[in-house]
């Protein structure tokens, strides 16, 4: 009999945890699993990327403790005979409550946020929430160690599970018109939120433009936090970059945009496992990223991309200028990253590992 698996995520807005929930639900073997996905608070554009046979539930949860929503979720799990609840990120809260109502189901917490490692008060909260969790998936080795040490979670039930990307059948690959000219377009795919540190990126890009006036920076992503976004746009105006930095907002044709760009950049001050780097590499872009989260591992510690310290506009600018002025170096790094993704982050290998781990979790006593 096939195993019912419910991926639980707070929303289907575009983000790394949300996209991984969709990718896993879409990619699971249909010979072994019946995939379901529940957005506990909001839907979003990623709902359109769900495979037609993935059963979808929207709870419209309005508060952290929304008893009617919790009851609907419990009934859904019982009615559909869900044996595995796979909670992504902050969906752990409602998943932990649900496990008390459905003790026969196994609960997995999938940790995506690298910033958890640096927050002092977090371990106590998550130690309590994971008390009845059966297993943990972590997108970075550092998060895996954090779960074992800070949460005191049994080491034999913590698995490292790197992210992966699936080709999006709904995205039509077509030519897009972007500002600037070929060879001088930089792109940053990241929601406008403090961890992504767009302000450091803008300060670095000011130096880039002074060295190469033809350079243009394309920003792709939603305004995750309006107060921070206002600071970013104020910084762009203060640096007089309105004619060189362009924000496209949320886009559903990211791969098409990347194919028209030359360098991918990520200036984050903290990360888990950024799917953006996999998207850059799949498009053949040379990449500059900060040394945070799993970025060094993805970029093979500098062999498949350039790494710079976080919060360092000067180092970031220098790396971007070197790639802008050296097309051969750009091409070599882009190819190296593309090959690394093919060999180390293929969806087939990662999905097989996840499915094997599911089977192991179902046998736990």
Protein backbone atom coordinates (compact mmCIF):
# COMPACT_ATOMS: atom_id res chain seq x y z
CA UNK A 1 0.00 0.00 0.00
CA UNK A 2 1.23 3.49 -0.83
CA UNK A 3 2.24 5.81 1.99
CA UNK A 4 0.43 9.12 2.41
CA UNK A 5 2.89 12.01 2.92
CA UNK A 6 1.75 15.51 3.87
CA UNK A 7 4.13 18.41 3.30
CA UNK A 8 3.21 21.22 5.68
CA UNK A 9 4.33 24.79 4.95
CA UNK A 10 3.01 28.13 6.17
CA UNK A 11 2.56 29.68 2.72
CA UNK A 12 3.19 29.12 -0.97
CA UNK A 13 4.81 32.49 -1.55
CA UNK A 14 8.09 32.24 -3.44
CA UNK A 15 10.87 31.26 -1.04
CA UNK A 16 13.38 28.48 -0.49
CA UNK A 17 11.46 26.44 2.10
CA UNK A 18 8.22 26.84 0.16
CA UNK A 19 9.79 25.79 -3.12
CA UNK A 20 11.39 22.74 -1.52
CA UNK A 21 8.03 21.64 -0.11
CA UNK A 22 6.61 21.82 -3.64
CA UNK A 23 9.64 20.11 -5.21
CA UNK A 24 9.48 17.21 -2.76
CA UNK A 25 5.73 16.75 -3.18
CA UNK A 26 6.11 16.84 -6.97
CA UNK A 27 9.17 14.60 -7.10
CA UNK A 28 8.26 11.73 -4.76
CA UNK A 29 7.87 8.31 -6.34
CA UNK A 30 4.22 7.71 -7.14
CA UNK A 31 4.83 3.97 -6.92
CA UNK A 32 5.50 4.33 -3.18
CA UNK A 33 3.87 7.56 -2.01
CA UNK A 34 0.64 9.56 -2.18
CA UNK A 35 1.76 13.20 -1.90
CA UNK A 36 -0.27 15.94 -0.21
CA UNK A 37 0.63 19.57 0.51
CA UNK A 38 -0.97 21.92 3.03
CA UNK A 39 -0.44 25.68 3.22
CA UNK A 40 -1.34 26.52 6.81
CA UNK A 41 -1.75 30.28 6.34
CA UNK A 42 -1.63 31.52 2.75
CA UNK A 43 -1.54 30.15 -0.75
CA UNK A 44 0.66 31.83 -3.32
CA UNK A 45 2.17 31.56 -6.79
CA UNK A 46 3.90 28.26 -6.04
CA UNK A 47 0.50 26.60 -5.86
CA UNK A 48 0.47 26.79 -9.66
CA UNK A 49 3.62 24.66 -9.75
CA UNK A 50 2.11 21.71 -7.90
CA UNK A 51 1.76 18.56 -9.97
CA UNK A 52 -1.90 17.81 -10.82
CA UNK A 53 -1.97 14.68 -8.63
CA UNK A 54 -0.69 16.40 -5.47
CA UNK A 55 -3.66 16.82 -3.14
CA UNK A 56 -3.77 20.41 -1.83
CA UNK A 57 -5.25 21.75 1.40
CA UNK A 58 -5.41 25.42 2.45
CA UNK A 59 -6.06 25.92 6.17
CA UNK A 60 -6.25 29.75 6.19
CA UNK A 61 -4.90 29.73 9.73
CA UNK A 62 -5.45 33.22 11.22
CA UNK A 63 -3.54 32.90 14.49
CA UNK A 64 -0.74 30.81 15.93
CA UNK A 65 -3.29 28.81 17.91
CA UNK A 66 -6.26 28.51 15.57
CA UNK A 67 -8.27 25.60 16.97
CA UNK A 68 -10.72 25.22 14.03
CA UNK A 69 -7.78 25.09 11.61
CA UNK A 70 -6.01 22.55 13.81
CA UNK A 71 -9.14 20.41 13.89
CA UNK A 72 -9.48 20.55 10.08
CA UNK A 73 -5.88 19.47 9.72
CA UNK A 74 -6.37 16.57 12.15
CA UNK A 75 -9.46 15.40 10.25
CA UNK A 76 -7.64 15.67 6.90
CA UNK A 77 -4.76 13.52 8.18
CA UNK A 78 -7.13 10.90 9.54
CA UNK A 79 -9.36 10.82 6.44
CA UNK A 80 -6.43 10.52 4.03
CA UNK A 81 -4.48 8.09 6.19
CA UNK A 82 -1.39 10.29 6.26
CA UNK A 83 1.51 8.36 7.80
CA UNK A 84 4.22 11.01 7.40
CA UNK A 85 3.85 14.70 8.27
CA UNK A 86 6.79 16.60 6.78
CA UNK A 87 6.80 20.11 8.32
CA UNK A 88 8.92 22.82 6.70
CA UNK A 89 10.37 25.69 8.73
CA UNK A 90 7.93 27.45 11.04
CA UNK A 91 5.12 25.03 10.16
CA UNK A 92 6.63 22.92 12.94
CA UNK A 93 4.42 24.73 15.47
CA UNK A 94 1.10 23.49 14.11
CA UNK A 95 2.68 20.17 13.13
CA UNK A 96 3.77 19.56 16.72
CA UNK A 97 0.23 20.22 17.99
CA UNK A 98 -1.19 17.97 15.29
CA UNK A 99 1.12 15.12 16.26
CA UNK A 100 -0.51 15.06 19.69
CA UNK A 101 -3.89 14.58 17.98
CA UNK A 102 -2.56 12.06 15.45
CA UNK A 103 0.08 10.07 17.36
CA UNK A 104 -0.01 7.28 14.78
CA UNK A 105 1.61 9.59 12.18
CA UNK A 106 5.36 10.19 12.01
CA UNK A 107 6.56 13.81 12.20
CA UNK A 108 9.61 15.18 10.35
CA UNK A 109 10.86 18.72 10.81
CA UNK A 110 12.76 20.15 7.84
CA UNK A 111 15.06 23.01 8.95
CA UNK A 112 15.76 25.63 6.26
CA UNK A 113 16.72 28.84 8.10
CA UNK A 114 20.47 29.17 8.65
CA UNK A 115 19.86 32.17 10.93
CA UNK A 116 18.56 29.82 13.66
CA UNK A 117 22.16 28.97 14.54
CA UNK A 118 22.85 32.55 15.63
CA UNK A 119 19.72 33.15 17.73
CA UNK A 120 20.33 32.61 21.46
CA UNK A 121 16.78 32.03 22.70
CA UNK A 122 15.64 29.77 19.89
CA UNK A 123 16.99 26.37 21.07
CA UNK A 124 14.73 26.22 24.14
CA UNK A 125 11.60 26.84 22.06
CA UNK A 126 12.51 24.29 19.42
CA UNK A 127 13.69 21.80 22.02
CA UNK A 128 10.12 21.82 23.34
CA UNK A 129 8.52 21.68 19.86
CA UNK A 130 10.69 18.76 18.75
CA UNK A 131 9.96 16.71 21.85
CA UNK A 132 7.53 14.50 19.90
CA UNK A 133 9.27 14.84 16.51
CA UNK A 134 10.46 11.59 14.98
CA UNK A 135 13.20 12.94 12.70
CA UNK A 136 14.88 16.11 11.49
CA UNK A 137 16.08 17.04 8.02
CA UNK A 138 18.62 19.89 7.82
CA UNK A 139 19.59 21.68 4.61
CA UNK A 140 23.12 22.41 5.86
CA UNK A 141 25.62 20.43 7.87
CA UNK A 142 25.84 23.31 10.34
CA UNK A 143 22.09 23.08 10.98
CA UNK A 144 22.42 19.33 11.36
CA UNK A 145 25.06 19.85 14.06
CA UNK A 146 22.91 22.56 15.68
CA UNK A 147 19.98 20.15 15.96
CA UNK A 148 22.16 17.49 17.57
CA UNK A 149 24.01 19.79 19.97
CA UNK A 150 21.68 22.68 20.79
CA UNK A 151 18.39 20.83 20.54
CA UNK A 152 19.88 17.65 22.00
CA UNK A 153 18.06 15.69 19.30
CA UNK A 154 19.23 12.09 18.81
CA UNK A 155 22.05 12.12 16.27
CA UNK A 156 20.82 8.94 14.55
CA UNK A 157 17.55 10.71 13.65
CA UNK A 158 19.05 13.84 12.06
CA UNK A 159 19.70 13.75 8.30
CA UNK A 160 21.50 16.22 6.05
CA UNK A 161 19.17 16.88 3.10
CA UNK A 162 20.53 19.37 0.54
CA UNK A 163 18.11 21.24 -1.65
CA UNK A 164 17.54 20.62 -5.34
CA UNK A 165 15.58 22.15 -8.17
CA UNK A 166 13.15 20.61 -10.62
CA UNK A 167 12.47 21.88 -14.10
CA UNK A 168 9.25 23.90 -13.97
CA UNK A 169 6.91 22.64 -16.70
CA UNK A 170 4.75 25.76 -16.33
CA UNK A 171 7.56 28.17 -17.15
CA UNK A 172 7.80 28.90 -20.85
CA UNK A 173 11.45 29.54 -21.69
CA UNK A 174 11.28 32.61 -23.87
CA UNK A 175 13.39 35.61 -24.66
CA UNK A 176 13.02 38.47 -22.20
CA UNK A 177 14.09 42.06 -22.65
CA UNK A 178 16.15 43.41 -19.79
CA UNK A 179 17.95 46.70 -19.16
CA UNK A 180 21.58 46.90 -20.19
CA UNK A 181 23.60 44.98 -22.75
CA UNK A 182 24.86 41.41 -22.92
CA UNK A 183 28.03 40.85 -20.95
CA UNK A 184 27.27 43.47 -18.32
CA UNK A 185 24.12 42.25 -16.57
CA UNK A 186 24.28 41.17 -12.94
CA UNK A 187 21.28 39.52 -11.31
CA UNK A 188 20.27 38.92 -7.70
CA UNK A 189 17.31 36.61 -7.06
CA UNK A 190 16.29 37.16 -3.44
CA UNK A 191 13.26 38.54 -1.64
CA UNK A 192 13.91 41.98 -0.14
CA UNK A 193 14.54 40.92 3.45
CA UNK A 194 17.29 41.82 5.95
CA UNK A 195 19.12 38.43 5.78
CA UNK A 196 19.70 38.96 2.03
CA UNK A 197 21.53 42.26 2.75
CA UNK A 198 20.66 44.16 -0.42
CA UNK A 199 22.15 47.30 1.11
CA UNK A 200 25.65 45.80 1.05
CA UNK A 201 24.99 44.74 -2.53
CA UNK A 202 24.00 48.28 -3.56
CA UNK A 203 27.09 49.78 -1.92
CA UNK A 204 29.26 47.25 -3.73
CA UNK A 205 27.49 47.91 -7.02
CA UNK A 206 28.18 51.64 -6.70
CA UNK A 207 31.88 50.77 -6.92
CA UNK A 208 31.20 48.41 -9.82
CA UNK A 209 29.45 51.13 -11.83
CA UNK A 210 32.30 53.55 -11.19
CA UNK A 211 34.71 51.00 -12.65
CA UNK A 212 32.38 49.82 -15.44
CA UNK A 213 29.56 52.29 -16.31
CA UNK A 214 27.85 49.74 -18.59
CA UNK A 215 27.08 47.43 -15.67
CA UNK A 216 23.44 46.93 -14.73
CA UNK A 217 21.98 45.14 -11.70
CA UNK A 218 18.66 43.28 -11.97
CA UNK A 219 16.87 42.51 -8.69
CA UNK A 220 14.25 39.74 -8.70
CA UNK A 221 12.10 38.99 -5.65
CA UNK A 222 9.20 40.23 -3.57
CA UNK A 223 9.23 42.86 -0.85
CA UNK A 224 9.37 40.44 2.06
CA UNK A 225 9.55 43.21 4.68
CA UNK A 226 8.24 46.62 3.67
CA UNK A 227 10.24 48.58 6.28
CA UNK A 228 13.50 47.04 5.09
CA UNK A 229 12.49 47.47 1.45
CA UNK A 230 12.05 51.20 2.05
CA UNK A 231 15.60 51.33 3.40
CA UNK A 232 16.87 49.52 0.30
CA UNK A 233 15.13 51.90 -2.11
CA UNK A 234 16.34 54.90 -0.09
CA UNK A 235 19.89 53.58 -0.34
CA UNK A 236 19.54 53.13 -4.11
CA UNK A 237 18.42 56.76 -4.39
CA UNK A 238 21.16 58.03 -2.07
CA UNK A 239 23.81 56.22 -4.14
CA UNK A 240 22.25 57.63 -7.34
CA UNK A 241 21.75 54.18 -8.83
CA UNK A 242 18.18 54.60 -10.09
CA UNK A 243 19.38 54.29 -13.69
CA UNK A 244 21.60 51.27 -13.06
CA UNK A 245 19.64 49.12 -10.58
CA UNK A 246 16.27 47.71 -11.66
CA UNK A 247 13.77 45.81 -9.52
CA UNK A 248 11.47 43.38 -11.36
CA UNK A 249 9.54 42.22 -8.26
CA UNK A 250 8.17 38.69 -8.08
CA UNK A 251 8.61 36.84 -11.35
CA UNK A 252 7.42 33.46 -12.61
CA UNK A 253 9.98 33.38 -15.44
CA UNK A 254 13.18 33.43 -13.38
CA UNK A 255 15.04 30.94 -15.60
CA UNK A 256 14.32 33.08 -18.65
CA UNK A 257 15.64 36.13 -16.83
CA UNK A 258 18.79 34.29 -15.75
CA UNK A 259 19.47 33.15 -19.29
CA UNK A 260 19.68 36.83 -20.32
CA UNK A 261 22.16 37.72 -17.54
CA UNK A 262 25.88 37.15 -17.07
CA UNK A 263 26.70 37.05 -13.35
CA UNK A 264 24.60 35.86 -10.42
CA UNK A 265 25.19 37.46 -7.04
CA UNK A 266 24.02 36.71 -3.50
CA UNK A 267 25.08 39.13 -0.75
CA UNK A 268 23.36 37.42 2.20
CA UNK A 269 24.47 37.89 5.79
CA UNK A 270 22.93 34.52 6.70
CA UNK A 271 21.68 31.55 4.66
CA UNK A 272 20.59 27.97 4.90
CA UNK A 273 20.86 26.29 1.51
CA UNK A 274 20.03 28.94 -1.12
CA UNK A 275 18.18 27.44 -4.07
CA UNK A 276 19.12 30.61 -5.93
CA UNK A 277 22.68 29.34 -6.37
CA UNK A 278 21.37 26.15 -7.98
CA UNK A 279 19.24 28.26 -10.33
CA UNK A 280 22.24 30.42 -11.23
CA UNK A 281 24.33 27.35 -11.92
CA UNK A 282 21.65 25.64 -13.99
CA UNK A 283 21.55 28.76 -16.18
CA UNK A 284 25.33 28.62 -16.59
CA UNK A 285 26.03 31.86 -14.72
CA UNK A 286 29.26 32.68 -12.94
CA UNK A 287 28.45 33.38 -9.29
CA UNK A 288 29.66 35.63 -6.50
CA UNK A 289 28.24 34.79 -3.06
CA UNK A 290 29.03 35.44 0.58
CA UNK A 291 30.63 32.83 2.82
CA UNK A 292 27.49 31.98 4.78
CA UNK A 293 25.36 28.87 5.21
CA UNK A 294 25.94 26.21 2.57
CA UNK A 295 27.23 28.70 -0.06
CA UNK A 296 30.88 27.60 0.28
CA UNK A 297 29.88 23.94 -0.13
CA UNK A 298 27.70 24.61 -3.18
CA UNK A 299 30.46 26.69 -4.82
CA UNK A 300 33.06 24.01 -4.01
CA UNK A 301 34.87 26.38 -1.66
CA UNK A 302 35.74 28.77 -4.48
CA UNK A 303 36.37 26.33 -7.30
CA UNK A 304 32.90 26.81 -8.81
CA UNK A 305 32.27 30.44 -7.88
CA UNK A 306 33.74 33.38 -6.01
CA UNK A 307 33.22 33.68 -2.25
CA UNK A 308 33.47 36.93 -0.29
CA UNK A 309 32.96 37.80 3.39
CA UNK A 310 29.49 39.05 4.41
CA UNK A 311 29.02 42.77 5.15
CA UNK A 312 32.00 43.66 2.92
CA UNK A 313 31.00 45.92 -0.01
CA UNK A 314 34.61 46.40 -1.09
CA UNK A 315 35.38 42.67 -1.41
CA UNK A 316 32.06 42.05 -3.15
CA UNK A 317 32.69 44.88 -5.62
CA UNK A 318 36.18 43.66 -6.40
CA UNK A 319 34.95 40.13 -7.14
CA UNK A 320 32.19 41.42 -9.42
CA UNK A 321 34.56 43.74 -11.30
CA UNK A 322 37.03 40.91 -11.91
CA UNK A 323 34.29 38.74 -13.44
CA UNK A 324 32.84 41.60 -15.48
CA UNK A 325 36.22 42.28 -17.06
CA UNK A 326 37.20 38.63 -17.59
CA UNK A 327 34.71 36.76 -19.85
CA UNK A 328 36.87 33.62 -19.94
CA UNK A 329 36.96 33.37 -16.15
CA UNK A 330 33.21 33.95 -16.11
CA UNK A 331 32.58 31.13 -18.57
CA UNK A 332 34.88 28.72 -16.71
CA UNK A 333 33.20 29.32 -13.33
CA UNK A 334 29.72 29.08 -14.86
CA UNK A 335 30.59 25.72 -16.42
CA UNK A 336 32.18 24.43 -13.21
CA UNK A 337 29.07 25.25 -11.17
CA UNK A 338 26.77 23.74 -13.79
CA UNK A 339 28.74 20.47 -13.65
CA UNK A 340 28.83 20.49 -9.84
CA UNK A 341 25.05 20.82 -9.65
CA UNK A 342 24.61 17.97 -12.13
CA UNK A 343 26.87 15.66 -10.13
CA UNK A 344 26.07 16.61 -6.53
CA UNK A 345 22.59 18.14 -6.42
CA UNK A 346 20.60 16.15 -8.94
CA UNK A 347 16.93 15.72 -7.97
CA UNK A 348 17.13 11.98 -8.67
CA UNK A 349 19.88 11.33 -6.10
CA UNK A 350 18.39 13.55 -3.41
CA UNK A 351 14.85 12.27 -3.85
CA UNK A 352 16.11 8.69 -3.61
CA UNK A 353 17.87 9.53 -0.33
CA UNK A 354 14.74 11.23 1.05
CA UNK A 355 12.56 8.25 0.12
CA UNK A 356 15.00 5.83 1.76
CA UNK A 357 14.97 8.00 4.89
CA UNK A 358 11.16 8.00 4.88
CA UNK A 359 11.21 4.21 4.86
CA UNK A 360 13.62 4.19 7.78
CA UNK A 361 11.49 6.67 9.79
CA UNK A 362 8.37 4.59 9.24
CA UNK A 363 10.17 1.66 10.88
CA UNK A 364 11.16 3.61 13.99
CA UNK A 365 9.63 2.50 17.26
